[in-house]
Amino acid sequence: MTPSKPALEEVTGYLGVGGLLLLGLFFVVDGQTNFWTTVEMYTKTGSFAILFTLPLLVISYVLGLLASLAVQTLLDQFFPPILNPALFAAAARKEREPVLSRYLEVERHARLLYGCAFAFVILAVGSLSVRRYLPPGQEVVSTICLILGLAIAVACPILARRLQLQLKLYVEAFDTHSPGAGDA
């Protein structure tokens, strides 16, 4: 694994989470104010792409990072964190590069899954906000989006915790079965 790969995955992951959050927030605002007409007006200008692309990318990244860290912090208040300094120390012992790499990978994926949980809640709420724009008889689509969004939002932190538990077992098994387990 090259050092740039995790950094690139992290940046794109937070951009994705932030993008989902912005989309959900847009749905909520548009559902309450019909904001889409304003957006359409600005997108027709020649300077729109230049003035809005980079700031939206930065905002997406920051929102994704904030959401990920906020959900992780909130969950750590209610559930004991699985990834802790002792587990990191065990993974980072000398001559354990594969274990340390796996630890860092799971930490990245778990943090992104936490951020996705928040993003999907906002998207679920947003799907209800834009319900009035759907053609008559199609309102069930927003209800399905609400249910799916909430289901995914619940599944994300569960999956993150599952990945962390698997990692913990992996690190502990490596400690138990490695020939130099007492060496550090």
Protein backbone atom coordinates (compact mmCIF):
# COMPACT_ATOMS: atom_id res chain seq x y z
CA MET A 1 0.00 0.00 0.00
CA THR A 2 1.41 3.32 -1.01
CA PRO A 3 1.29 6.22 1.45
CA SER A 4 -0.81 8.33 -0.97
CA LYS A 5 -3.54 5.71 -1.31
CA PRO A 6 -4.95 6.10 2.22
CA ALA A 7 -4.74 9.88 1.95
CA LEU A 8 -6.58 9.87 -1.37
CA GLU A 9 -9.23 7.45 -0.04
CA GLU A 10 -9.70 9.63 3.02
CA VAL A 11 -10.12 12.84 1.02
CA THR A 12 -12.52 11.30 -1.47
CA GLY A 13 -14.42 9.57 1.33
CA TYR A 14 -14.97 12.80 3.23
CA LEU A 15 -15.88 14.56 -0.03
CA GLY A 16 -18.47 11.86 -0.65
CA VAL A 17 -19.93 12.08 2.85
CA GLY A 18 -20.00 15.87 2.60
CA GLY A 19 -21.61 15.67 -0.83
CA LEU A 20 -24.37 13.44 0.57
CA LEU A 21 -24.85 15.90 3.42
CA LEU A 22 -25.08 18.85 1.05
CA LEU A 23 -27.59 16.99 -1.10
CA GLY A 24 -29.71 16.15 1.93
CA LEU A 25 -29.51 19.72 3.19
CA PHE A 26 -30.43 20.99 -0.25
CA PHE A 27 -33.50 18.72 -0.28
CA VAL A 28 -34.54 19.98 3.15
CA VAL A 29 -34.10 23.66 2.19
CA ASP A 30 -35.67 23.21 -1.24
CA GLY A 31 -38.62 21.36 0.23
CA GLN A 32 -39.33 24.29 2.53
CA THR A 33 -38.47 27.24 0.27
CA ASN A 34 -38.42 26.10 -3.40
CA PHE A 35 -34.72 27.03 -3.50
CA TRP A 36 -34.19 25.14 -6.78
CA THR A 37 -35.31 28.12 -8.86
CA THR A 38 -32.54 30.23 -7.28
CA VAL A 39 -29.96 27.52 -7.96
CA GLU A 40 -31.07 27.26 -11.58
CA MET A 41 -30.69 31.00 -12.01
CA TYR A 42 -27.09 30.95 -10.73
CA THR A 43 -26.05 27.86 -12.67
CA LYS A 44 -26.83 29.64 -15.95
CA THR A 45 -24.17 32.28 -15.28
CA GLY A 46 -20.71 31.88 -16.77
CA SER A 47 -18.95 32.35 -13.46
CA PHE A 48 -20.92 29.69 -11.59
CA ALA A 49 -18.47 26.85 -12.16
CA ILE A 50 -15.46 28.95 -11.23
CA LEU A 51 -17.00 30.57 -8.17
CA PHE A 52 -18.81 27.57 -6.73
CA THR A 53 -16.87 24.41 -7.60
CA LEU A 54 -13.84 24.79 -5.35
CA PRO A 55 -15.75 26.23 -2.38
CA LEU A 56 -18.31 23.42 -2.65
CA LEU A 57 -15.52 20.83 -2.68
CA VAL A 58 -13.95 22.38 0.41
CA ILE A 59 -17.32 22.66 2.15
CA SER A 60 -18.08 19.03 1.25
CA TYR A 61 -14.76 17.86 2.67
CA VAL A 62 -15.16 19.83 5.90
CA LEU A 63 -18.78 18.71 6.37
CA GLY A 64 -17.80 15.10 5.74
CA LEU A 65 -14.94 15.27 8.22
CA LEU A 66 -17.05 17.03 10.85
CA ALA A 67 -19.92 14.57 10.46
CA SER A 68 -17.58 11.59 10.72
CA LEU A 69 -15.81 12.85 13.82
CA ALA A 70 -19.04 14.05 15.47
CA VAL A 71 -20.80 10.71 15.09
CA GLN A 72 -17.70 8.84 16.25
CA THR A 73 -17.42 11.10 19.31
CA LEU A 74 -21.12 10.73 20.08
CA LEU A 75 -21.02 6.94 19.82
CA ASP A 76 -17.88 6.78 21.95
CA GLN A 77 -19.88 8.49 24.71
CA PHE A 78 -22.44 5.68 24.77
CA PHE A 79 -20.36 2.65 23.77
CA PRO A 80 -16.79 1.91 24.79
CA PRO A 81 -14.49 2.48 21.83
CA ILE A 82 -13.05 -0.69 20.37
CA LEU A 83 -10.08 1.04 18.78
CA ASN A 84 -8.07 2.27 21.72
CA PRO A 85 -4.43 3.11 22.53
CA ALA A 86 -3.70 -0.41 23.82
CA LEU A 87 -4.99 -2.01 20.63
CA PHE A 88 -3.03 0.48 18.53
CA ALA A 89 0.13 -0.28 20.54
CA ALA A 90 -0.37 -4.01 19.97
CA ALA A 91 -0.89 -3.44 16.25
CA ALA A 92 2.12 -1.11 15.96
CA ARG A 93 4.71 -3.38 17.56
CA LYS A 94 7.94 -3.92 15.72
CA GLU A 95 7.76 -6.13 12.62
CA ARG A 96 3.97 -5.94 12.41
CA GLU A 97 3.46 -3.73 9.39
CA PRO A 98 0.53 -5.77 8.03
CA VAL A 99 -1.28 -5.54 11.37
CA LEU A 100 -0.67 -1.80 11.66
CA SER A 101 -1.79 -1.25 8.06
CA ARG A 102 -4.99 -3.17 8.75
CA TYR A 103 -5.58 -1.14 11.93
CA LEU A 104 -5.23 2.17 10.07
CA GLU A 105 -7.44 0.94 7.23
CA VAL A 106 -10.22 -0.14 9.61
CA GLU A 107 -9.94 3.16 11.49
CA ARG A 108 -10.41 5.08 8.21
CA HIS A 109 -13.32 2.96 7.04
CA ALA A 110 -15.08 3.12 10.40
CA ARG A 111 -14.79 6.91 10.55
CA LEU A 112 -16.25 7.23 7.05
CA LEU A 113 -19.10 4.87 7.91
CA TYR A 114 -19.91 7.01 10.95
CA GLY A 115 -20.12 10.08 8.73
CA CYS A 116 -22.32 8.21 6.26
CA ALA A 117 -24.77 7.43 9.06
CA PHE A 118 -25.38 11.14 9.62
CA ALA A 119 -25.51 11.87 5.89
CA PHE A 120 -28.15 9.21 5.29
CA VAL A 121 -30.32 10.56 8.12
CA ILE A 122 -30.23 14.00 6.50
CA LEU A 123 -30.99 12.46 3.10
CA ALA A 124 -33.91 10.54 4.58
CA VAL A 125 -35.36 13.73 6.08
CA GLY A 126 -34.69 15.55 2.81
CA SER A 127 -36.61 12.92 0.86
CA LEU A 128 -39.70 13.81 2.86
CA SER A 129 -39.13 17.53 2.35
CA VAL A 130 -39.30 17.26 -1.44
CA ARG A 131 -42.33 14.95 -1.38
CA ARG A 132 -44.62 17.74 -2.57
CA TYR A 133 -42.70 17.99 -5.88
CA LEU A 134 -43.41 14.40 -6.83
CA PRO A 135 -46.21 13.68 -9.29
CA PRO A 136 -49.51 12.62 -7.72
CA GLY A 137 -49.43 8.97 -6.76
CA GLN A 138 -45.62 8.90 -6.56
CA GLU A 139 -45.35 10.08 -2.95
CA VAL A 140 -44.55 6.50 -1.94
CA VAL A 141 -41.10 7.04 -3.48
CA SER A 142 -40.20 9.55 -0.77
CA THR A 143 -41.45 7.13 1.91
CA ILE A 144 -39.31 4.35 0.45
CA CYS A 145 -36.31 6.75 0.36
CA LEU A 146 -36.98 7.66 4.00
CA ILE A 147 -37.06 4.02 5.08
CA LEU A 148 -34.00 3.07 3.04
CA GLY A 149 -32.07 6.14 4.22
CA LEU A 150 -32.79 5.38 7.87
CA ALA A 151 -31.96 1.68 7.40
CA ILE A 152 -28.61 2.54 5.83
CA ALA A 153 -27.98 5.14 8.56
CA VAL A 154 -28.47 2.45 11.21
CA ALA A 155 -26.42 -0.12 9.30
CA CYS A 156 -23.35 2.12 8.86
CA PRO A 157 -22.27 2.38 12.53
CA ILE A 158 -23.14 -1.29 13.09
CA LEU A 159 -20.86 -2.22 10.20
CA ALA A 160 -18.14 0.11 11.50
CA ARG A 161 -18.26 -1.53 14.94
CA ARG A 162 -18.21 -4.98 13.32
CA LEU A 163 -15.08 -4.08 11.35
CA GLN A 164 -13.47 -2.83 14.55
CA LEU A 165 -14.36 -6.04 16.44
CA GLN A 166 -12.89 -8.14 13.64
CA LEU A 167 -9.72 -6.07 13.77
CA LYS A 168 -9.49 -6.54 17.53
CA LEU A 169 -9.72 -10.31 17.09
CA TYR A 170 -7.11 -10.13 14.34
CA VAL A 171 -4.66 -8.16 16.51
CA GLU A 172 -5.23 -10.43 19.50
CA ALA A 173 -4.79 -13.56 17.36
CA PHE A 174 -1.57 -12.16 15.94
CA ASP A 175 -0.30 -11.53 19.47
CA THR A 176 -1.23 -15.02 20.60
CA HIS A 177 0.10 -16.97 17.63
CA SER A 178 3.13 -15.01 16.50
CA PRO A 179 6.47 -16.65 17.27
CA GLY A 180 7.90 -13.50 18.86
CA ALA A 181 4.73 -12.55 20.77
CA GLY A 182 6.75 -11.67 23.84
CA ASP A 183 9.12 -9.44 21.83
CA ALA A 184 8.26 -5.80 21.60
